Structure formats: structure tokens, C-alpha cells
């Protein structure tokens, strides 16, 4: 399966589906002043306690638990 075709819902189900969570809450966070980065926080309640997962939106439209790399300034000889 191509990474960009995975929906956020499929990833949440993959990471939280088998944990026996009784409730799941989703919060959208936007950060960065120059380049707006999107991050979603998932709160899952289960019998052992609550846990959170963060999913980050990458430039290709895919979601990952690893944040995208920041674009660094580069010089080149043209």
C-alpha cells in the first residue's frame, strides 16, 4: 500500500484498534508561524489508563508518528 493512500482513520485504527480503548478523542493542533505544520493528538482511554499519540502531516499529504523534517537553508552554485 502506498503511504500517501493511508488515511488518518486507518492509522488510528492500526495503532489504537487492538488496545481495547473505551473512548478516543481527536484534537487538531497547528504550529509554526512561517510554515504551518499540522499535528493531531489522539487521546485514548482504556482500562489501564489514558494515553496519547501524535500524528504529523507531511508535505506529501501522509500522516506519520514522526514529525517531518524542517526545510533548512541551502546554498548552491548556479
PDB file of N, CA and C in Angstrom:
ATOM      1  N   UNK A   1       0.839  -1.180   0.000  1.00  0.00           N
ATOM      2  CA  UNK A   1       0.000   0.000   0.000  1.00  0.00           C
ATOM      3  C   UNK A   1       0.884   1.243   0.000  1.00  0.00           C
ATOM      4  N   UNK A   2       0.536   2.210  -0.782  1.00  0.00           N
ATOM      5  CA  UNK A   2       1.288   3.455  -0.851  1.00  0.00           C
ATOM      6  C   UNK A   2       1.011   4.264   0.405  1.00  0.00           C
ATOM      7  N   UNK A   3       2.063   4.858   0.975  1.00  0.00           N
ATOM      8  CA  UNK A   3       1.931   5.595   2.236  1.00  0.00           C
ATOM      9  C   UNK A   3       0.932   6.729   2.114  1.00  0.00           C
ATOM     10  N   UNK A   4       0.950   7.471   0.998  1.00  0.00           N
ATOM     11  CA  UNK A   4       0.067   8.625   0.835  1.00  0.00           C
ATOM     12  C   UNK A   4      -1.404   8.218   0.779  1.00  0.00           C
ATOM     13  N   UNK A   5      -1.700   6.936   0.495  1.00  0.00           N
ATOM     14  CA  UNK A   5      -3.087   6.488   0.416  1.00  0.00           C
ATOM     15  C   UNK A   5      -3.660   6.117   1.780  1.00  0.00           C
ATOM     16  N   UNK A   6      -2.841   6.057   2.805  1.00  0.00           N
ATOM     17  CA  UNK A   6      -3.325   5.718   4.138  1.00  0.00           C
ATOM     18  C   UNK A   6      -4.023   6.919   4.740  1.00  0.00           C
ATOM     19  N   UNK A   7      -5.214   6.687   5.218  1.00  0.00           N
ATOM     20  CA  UNK A   7      -5.944   7.775   5.860  1.00  0.00           C
ATOM     21  C   UNK A   7      -5.567   7.831   7.337  1.00  0.00           C
ATOM     22  N   UNK A   8      -5.853   8.965   7.944  1.00  0.00           N
ATOM     23  CA  UNK A   8      -5.601   9.122   9.376  1.00  0.00           C
ATOM     24  C   UNK A   8      -6.437   8.120  10.163  1.00  0.00           C
ATOM     25  N   UNK A   9      -7.642   7.873   9.723  1.00  0.00           N
ATOM     26  CA  UNK A   9      -8.520   6.916  10.403  1.00  0.00           C
ATOM     27  C   UNK A   9      -7.908   5.506  10.396  1.00  0.00           C
ATOM     28  N   UNK A  10      -7.315   5.101   9.267  1.00  0.00           N
ATOM     29  CA  UNK A  10      -6.681   3.783   9.190  1.00  0.00           C
ATOM     30  C   UNK A  10      -5.491   3.688  10.136  1.00  0.00           C
ATOM     31  N   UNK A  11      -4.706   4.764  10.233  1.00  0.00           N
ATOM     32  CA  UNK A  11      -3.555   4.754  11.135  1.00  0.00           C
ATOM     33  C   UNK A  11      -3.980   4.713  12.598  1.00  0.00           C
ATOM     34  N   UNK A  12      -5.020   5.463  12.938  1.00  0.00           N
ATOM     35  CA  UNK A  12      -5.526   5.435  14.319  1.00  0.00           C
ATOM     36  C   UNK A  12      -6.017   4.035  14.656  1.00  0.00           C
ATOM     37  N   UNK A  13      -6.735   3.422  13.721  1.00  0.00           N
ATOM     38  CA  UNK A  13      -7.219   2.070  13.949  1.00  0.00           C
ATOM     39  C   UNK A  13      -6.065   1.081  14.087  1.00  0.00           C
ATOM     40  N   UNK A  14      -5.001   1.278  13.320  1.00  0.00           N
ATOM     41  CA  UNK A  14      -3.827   0.407  13.389  1.00  0.00           C
ATOM     42  C   UNK A  14      -3.141   0.524  14.752  1.00  0.00           C
ATOM     43  N   UNK A  15      -2.976   1.752  15.250  1.00  0.00           N
ATOM     44  CA  UNK A  15      -2.234   1.978  16.489  1.00  0.00           C
ATOM     45  C   UNK A  15      -3.078   1.750  17.735  1.00  0.00           C
ATOM     46  N   UNK A  16      -4.374   2.050  17.672  1.00  0.00           N
ATOM     47  CA  UNK A  16      -5.208   2.009  18.874  1.00  0.00           C
ATOM     48  C   UNK A  16      -6.236   0.887  18.833  1.00  0.00           C
ATOM     49  N   UNK A  17      -6.543   0.376  17.662  1.00  0.00           N
ATOM     50  CA  UNK A  17      -7.615  -0.605  17.499  1.00  0.00           C
ATOM     51  C   UNK A  17      -7.526  -1.817  18.397  1.00  0.00           C
ATOM     52  N   UNK A  18      -6.362  -2.352  18.619  1.00  0.00           N
ATOM     53  CA  UNK A  18      -6.225  -3.583  19.399  1.00  0.00           C
ATOM     54  C   UNK A  18      -5.961  -3.342  20.883  1.00  0.00           C
ATOM     55  N   UNK A  19      -5.999  -2.102  21.342  1.00  0.00           N
ATOM     56  CA  UNK A  19      -5.678  -1.824  22.741  1.00  0.00           C
ATOM     57  C   UNK A  19      -6.877  -1.922  23.664  1.00  0.00           C
ATOM     58  N   UNK A  20      -8.076  -2.058  23.128  1.00  0.00           N
ATOM     59  CA  UNK A  20      -9.262  -2.118  23.964  1.00  0.00           C
ATOM     60  C   UNK A  20      -9.671  -0.767  24.510  1.00  0.00           C
ATOM     61  N   UNK A  21      -9.404   0.295  23.749  1.00  0.00           N
ATOM     62  CA  UNK A  21      -9.759   1.643  24.192  1.00  0.00           C
ATOM     63  C   UNK A  21     -11.276   1.778  24.265  1.00  0.00           C
ATOM     64  N   UNK A  22     -11.756   2.377  25.353  1.00  0.00           N
ATOM     65  CA  UNK A  22     -13.194   2.575  25.517  1.00  0.00           C
ATOM     66  C   UNK A  22     -13.665   3.870  24.872  1.00  0.00           C
ATOM     67  N   UNK A  23     -12.786   4.858  24.772  1.00  0.00           N
ATOM     68  CA  UNK A  23     -13.137   6.105  24.086  1.00  0.00           C
ATOM     69  C   UNK A  23     -11.878   6.699  23.464  1.00  0.00           C
ATOM     70  N   UNK A  24     -12.082   7.379  22.334  1.00  0.00           N
ATOM     71  CA  UNK A  24     -10.982   8.015  21.618  1.00  0.00           C
ATOM     72  C   UNK A  24     -11.406   9.429  21.293  1.00  0.00           C
ATOM     73  N   UNK A  25     -10.514  10.389  21.571  1.00  0.00           N
ATOM     74  CA  UNK A  25     -10.763  11.804  21.292  1.00  0.00           C
ATOM     75  C   UNK A  25      -9.659  12.332  20.393  1.00  0.00           C
ATOM     76  N   UNK A  26     -10.022  13.164  19.420  1.00  0.00           N
ATOM     77  CA  UNK A  26      -9.060  13.709  18.460  1.00  0.00           C
ATOM     78  C   UNK A  26      -8.999  15.218  18.607  1.00  0.00           C
ATOM     79  N   UNK A  27      -7.779  15.780  18.685  1.00  0.00           N
ATOM     80  CA  UNK A  27      -7.581  17.230  18.769  1.00  0.00           C
ATOM     81  C   UNK A  27      -6.626  17.655  17.662  1.00  0.00           C
ATOM     82  N   UNK A  28      -6.972  18.701  16.922  1.00  0.00           N
ATOM     83  CA  UNK A  28      -6.113  19.221  15.868  1.00  0.00           C
ATOM     84  C   UNK A  28      -5.264  20.345  16.428  1.00  0.00           C
ATOM     85  N   UNK A  29      -3.975  20.300  16.127  1.00  0.00           N
ATOM     86  CA  UNK A  29      -3.051  21.347  16.560  1.00  0.00           C
ATOM     87  C   UNK A  29      -2.328  21.875  15.335  1.00  0.00           C
ATOM     88  N   UNK A  30      -2.183  23.174  15.252  1.00  0.00           N
ATOM     89  CA  UNK A  30      -1.424  23.798  14.171  1.00  0.00           C
ATOM     90  C   UNK A  30      -0.327  24.601  14.828  1.00  0.00           C
ATOM     91  N   UNK A  31       0.908  24.411  14.379  1.00  0.00           N
ATOM     92  CA  UNK A  31       2.002  25.164  14.979  1.00  0.00           C
ATOM     93  C   UNK A  31       2.953  25.629  13.900  1.00  0.00           C
ATOM     94  N   UNK A  32       3.768  26.575  14.256  1.00  0.00           N
ATOM     95  CA  UNK A  32       4.729  27.159  13.313  1.00  0.00           C
ATOM     96  C   UNK A  32       4.161  28.441  12.733  1.00  0.00           C
ATOM     97  N   UNK A  33       4.900  29.511  12.836  1.00  0.00           N
ATOM     98  CA  UNK A  33       4.386  30.791  12.361  1.00  0.00           C
ATOM     99  C   UNK A  33       4.622  30.990  10.875  1.00  0.00           C
ATOM    100  N   UNK A  34       5.790  30.603  10.375  1.00  0.00           N
ATOM    101  CA  UNK A  34       6.090  30.805   8.964  1.00  0.00           C
ATOM    102  C   UNK A  34       5.466  29.698   8.120  1.00  0.00           C
ATOM    103  N   UNK A  35       5.720  28.487   8.482  1.00  0.00           N
ATOM    104  CA  UNK A  35       5.169  27.346   7.762  1.00  0.00           C
ATOM    105  C   UNK A  35       4.259  26.587   8.709  1.00  0.00           C
ATOM    106  N   UNK A  36       2.999  26.564   8.387  1.00  0.00           N
ATOM    107  CA  UNK A  36       2.021  25.957   9.282  1.00  0.00           C
ATOM    108  C   UNK A  36       2.096  24.436   9.206  1.00  0.00           C
ATOM    109  N   UNK A  37       2.421  23.823  10.319  1.00  0.00           N
ATOM    110  CA  UNK A  37       2.502  22.367  10.420  1.00  0.00           C
ATOM    111  C   UNK A  37       1.265  21.863  11.145  1.00  0.00           C
ATOM    112  N   UNK A  38       0.705  20.780  10.654  1.00  0.00           N
ATOM    113  CA  UNK A  38      -0.471  20.214  11.297  1.00  0.00           C
ATOM    114  C   UNK A  38      -0.101  18.966  12.085  1.00  0.00           C
ATOM    115  N   UNK A  39      -0.680  18.877  13.250  1.00  0.00           N
ATOM    116  CA  UNK A  39      -0.447  17.755  14.148  1.00  0.00           C
ATOM    117  C   UNK A  39      -1.790  17.393  14.776  1.00  0.00           C
ATOM    118  N   UNK A  40      -2.048  16.110  14.910  1.00  0.00           N
ATOM    119  CA  UNK A  40      -3.276  15.641  15.531  1.00  0.00           C
ATOM    120  C   UNK A  40      -2.892  14.859  16.772  1.00  0.00           C
ATOM    121  N   UNK A  41      -3.548  15.166  17.866  1.00  0.00           N
ATOM    122  CA  UNK A  41      -3.317  14.466  19.122  1.00  0.00           C
ATOM    123  C   UNK A  41      -4.499  13.526  19.364  1.00  0.00           C
ATOM    124  N   UNK A  42      -4.212  12.262  19.593  1.00  0.00           N
ATOM    125  CA  UNK A  42      -5.238  11.257  19.850  1.00  0.00           C
ATOM    126  C   UNK A  42      -5.177  10.890  21.326  1.00  0.00           C
ATOM    127  N   UNK A  43      -6.293  11.066  22.026  1.00  0.00           N
ATOM    128  CA  UNK A  43      -6.403  10.686  23.435  1.00  0.00           C
ATOM    129  C   UNK A  43      -7.240   9.410  23.478  1.00  0.00           C
ATOM    130  N   UNK A  44      -6.687   8.338  23.994  1.00  0.00           N
ATOM    131  CA  UNK A  44      -7.410   7.073  24.086  1.00  0.00           C
ATOM    132  C   UNK A  44      -7.527   6.659  25.543  1.00  0.00           C
ATOM    133  N   UNK A  45      -8.724   6.368  25.951  1.00  0.00           N
ATOM    134  CA  UNK A  45      -8.993   5.917  27.315  1.00  0.00           C
ATOM    135  C   UNK A  45      -9.145   4.404  27.279  1.00  0.00           C
ATOM    136  N   UNK A  46      -8.415   3.725  28.134  1.00  0.00           N
ATOM    137  CA  UNK A  46      -8.509   2.274  28.240  1.00  0.00           C
ATOM    138  C   UNK A  46      -8.497   1.895  29.707  1.00  0.00           C
ATOM    139  N   UNK A  47      -8.796   0.647  30.037  1.00  0.00           N
ATOM    140  CA  UNK A  47      -8.855   0.252  31.462  1.00  0.00           C
ATOM    141  C   UNK A  47      -7.563   0.531  32.230  1.00  0.00           C
ATOM    142  N   UNK A  48      -6.397   0.415  31.589  1.00  0.00           N
ATOM    143  CA  UNK A  48      -5.121   0.645  32.275  1.00  0.00           C
ATOM    144  C   UNK A  48      -4.814   2.125  32.466  1.00  0.00           C
ATOM    145  N   UNK A  49      -5.544   2.992  31.797  1.00  0.00           N
ATOM    146  CA  UNK A  49      -5.310   4.427  31.895  1.00  0.00           C
ATOM    147  C   UNK A  49      -5.370   5.095  30.533  1.00  0.00           C
ATOM    148  N   UNK A  50      -5.130   6.384  30.527  1.00  0.00           N
ATOM    149  CA  UNK A  50      -5.207   7.148  29.288  1.00  0.00           C
ATOM    150  C   UNK A  50      -3.826   7.261  28.661  1.00  0.00           C
ATOM    151  N   UNK A  51      -3.780   7.246  27.313  1.00  0.00           N
ATOM    152  CA  UNK A  51      -2.528   7.511  26.624  1.00  0.00           C
ATOM    153  C   UNK A  51      -2.798   8.384  25.414  1.00  0.00           C
ATOM    154  N   UNK A  52      -1.744   9.026  24.929  1.00  0.00           N
ATOM    155  CA  UNK A  52      -1.867   9.939  23.800  1.00  0.00           C
ATOM    156  C   UNK A  52      -0.875   9.548  22.711  1.00  0.00           C
ATOM    157  N   UNK A  53      -1.286   9.780  21.477  1.00  0.00           N
ATOM    158  CA  UNK A  53      -0.434   9.611  20.308  1.00  0.00           C
ATOM    159  C   UNK A  53      -0.505  10.882  19.486  1.00  0.00           C
ATOM    160  N   UNK A  54       0.594  11.254  18.872  1.00  0.00           N
ATOM    161  CA  UNK A  54       0.619  12.407  17.993  1.00  0.00           C
ATOM    162  C   UNK A  54       0.888  11.937  16.572  1.00  0.00           C
ATOM    163  N   UNK A  55       0.103  12.432  15.623  1.00  0.00           N
ATOM    164  CA  UNK A  55       0.311  12.169  14.203  1.00  0.00           C
ATOM    165  C   UNK A  55       0.621  13.490  13.529  1.00  0.00           C
ATOM    166  N   UNK A  56       1.632  13.492  12.671  1.00  0.00           N
ATOM    167  CA  UNK A  56       2.071  14.699  11.978  1.00  0.00           C
ATOM    168  C   UNK A  56       1.787  14.572  10.492  1.00  0.00           C
ATOM    169  N   UNK A  57       1.280  15.663   9.897  1.00  0.00           N
ATOM    170  CA  UNK A  57       1.004  15.688   8.459  1.00  0.00           C
ATOM    171  C   UNK A  57       2.272  16.087   7.717  1.00  0.00           C
ATOM    172  N   UNK A  58       2.685  15.284   6.745  1.00  0.00           N
ATOM    173  CA  UNK A  58       3.879  15.567   5.957  1.00  0.00           C
ATOM    174  C   UNK A  58       3.491  16.299   4.671  1.00  0.00           C
ATOM    175  N   UNK A  59       4.480  16.842   3.972  1.00  0.00           N
ATOM    176  CA  UNK A  59       4.235  17.637   2.770  1.00  0.00           C
ATOM    177  C   UNK A  59       3.567  16.840   1.658  1.00  0.00           C
ATOM    178  N   UNK A  60       3.759  15.520   1.625  1.00  0.00           N
ATOM    179  CA  UNK A  60       3.129  14.707   0.586  1.00  0.00           C
ATOM    180  C   UNK A  60       1.697  14.319   0.940  1.00  0.00           C
ATOM    181  N   UNK A  61       1.192  14.799   2.080  1.00  0.00           N
ATOM    182  CA  UNK A  61      -0.180  14.535   2.491  1.00  0.00           C
ATOM    183  C   UNK A  61      -0.344  13.323   3.383  1.00  0.00           C
ATOM    184  N   UNK A  62       0.732  12.619   3.666  1.00  0.00           N
ATOM    185  CA  UNK A  62       0.643  11.430   4.503  1.00  0.00           C
ATOM    186  C   UNK A  62       0.756  11.797   5.982  1.00  0.00           C
ATOM    187  N   UNK A  63       0.292  10.910   6.840  1.00  0.00           N
ATOM    188  CA  UNK A  63       0.349  11.084   8.292  1.00  0.00           C
ATOM    189  C   UNK A  63       1.348  10.095   8.867  1.00  0.00           C
ATOM    190  N   UNK A  64       2.171  10.565   9.814  1.00  0.00           N
ATOM    191  CA  UNK A  64       3.170   9.718  10.468  1.00  0.00           C
ATOM    192  C   UNK A  64       3.261  10.102  11.941  1.00  0.00           C
ATOM    193  N   UNK A  65       3.793   9.176  12.762  1.00  0.00           N
ATOM    194  CA  UNK A  65       4.031   9.496  14.168  1.00  0.00           C
ATOM    195  C   UNK A  65       5.360  10.218  14.339  1.00  0.00           C
ATOM    196  N   UNK A  66       6.137  10.306  13.276  1.00  0.00           N
ATOM    197  CA  UNK A  66       7.412  11.027  13.285  1.00  0.00           C
ATOM    198  C   UNK A  66       7.203  12.380  12.611  1.00  0.00           C
ATOM    199  N   UNK A  67       7.601  13.493  13.242  1.00  0.00           N
ATOM    200  CA  UNK A  67       7.399  14.815  12.625  1.00  0.00           C
ATOM    201  C   UNK A  67       8.237  14.966  11.354  1.00  0.00           C
ATOM    202  N   UNK A  68       7.743  15.767  10.403  1.00  0.00           N
ATOM    203  CA  UNK A  68       8.516  15.992   9.172  1.00  0.00           C
ATOM    204  C   UNK A  68       9.766  16.807   9.462  1.00  0.00           C
ATOM    205  N   UNK A  69      10.769  16.598   8.633  1.00  0.00           N
ATOM    206  CA  UNK A  69      11.990  17.373   8.783  1.00  0.00           C
ATOM    207  C   UNK A  69      11.724  18.814   8.366  1.00  0.00           C
ATOM    208  N   UNK A  70      12.388  19.735   9.033  1.00  0.00           N
ATOM    209  CA  UNK A  70      12.256  21.134   8.660  1.00  0.00           C
ATOM    210  C   UNK A  70      13.147  21.427   7.470  1.00  0.00           C
ATOM    211  N   UNK A  71      12.685  22.300   6.602  1.00  0.00           N
ATOM    212  CA  UNK A  71      13.481  22.680   5.444  1.00  0.00           C
ATOM    213  C   UNK A  71      14.566  23.633   5.912  1.00  0.00           C
ATOM    214  N   UNK A  72      15.801  23.278   5.607  1.00  0.00           N
ATOM    215  CA  UNK A  72      16.918  24.105   6.044  1.00  0.00           C
ATOM    216  C   UNK A  72      17.416  24.949   4.873  1.00  0.00           C
ATOM    217  N   UNK A  73      17.956  26.121   5.152  1.00  0.00           N
ATOM    218  CA  UNK A  73      18.511  26.942   4.085  1.00  0.00           C
ATOM    219  C   UNK A  73      19.687  26.222   3.430  1.00  0.00           C
ATOM    220  N   UNK A  74      19.790  26.363   2.120  1.00  0.00           N
ATOM    221  CA  UNK A  74      20.881  25.710   1.398  1.00  0.00           C
ATOM    222  C   UNK A  74      21.449  26.679   0.356  1.00  0.00           C
ATOM    223  N   UNK A  75      22.720  26.544   0.098  1.00  0.00           N
ATOM    224  CA  UNK A  75      23.370  27.361  -0.928  1.00  0.00           C
ATOM    225  C   UNK A  75      23.764  26.447  -2.076  1.00  0.00           C
ATOM    226  N   UNK A  76      23.722  27.012  -3.275  1.00  0.00           N
ATOM    227  CA  UNK A  76      24.177  26.257  -4.424  1.00  0.00           C
ATOM    228  C   UNK A  76      24.825  27.211  -5.412  1.00  0.00           C
ATOM    229  N   UNK A  77      25.696  26.663  -6.220  1.00  0.00           N
ATOM    230  CA  UNK A  77      26.356  27.470  -7.253  1.00  0.00           C
ATOM    231  C   UNK A  77      25.602  27.270  -8.556  1.00  0.00           C
ATOM    232  N   UNK A  78      25.064  28.343  -9.062  1.00  0.00           N
ATOM    233  CA  UNK A  78      24.292  28.234 -10.308  1.00  0.00           C
ATOM    234  C   UNK A  78      25.071  28.803 -11.470  1.00  0.00           C
TER     235      UNK A  78
END
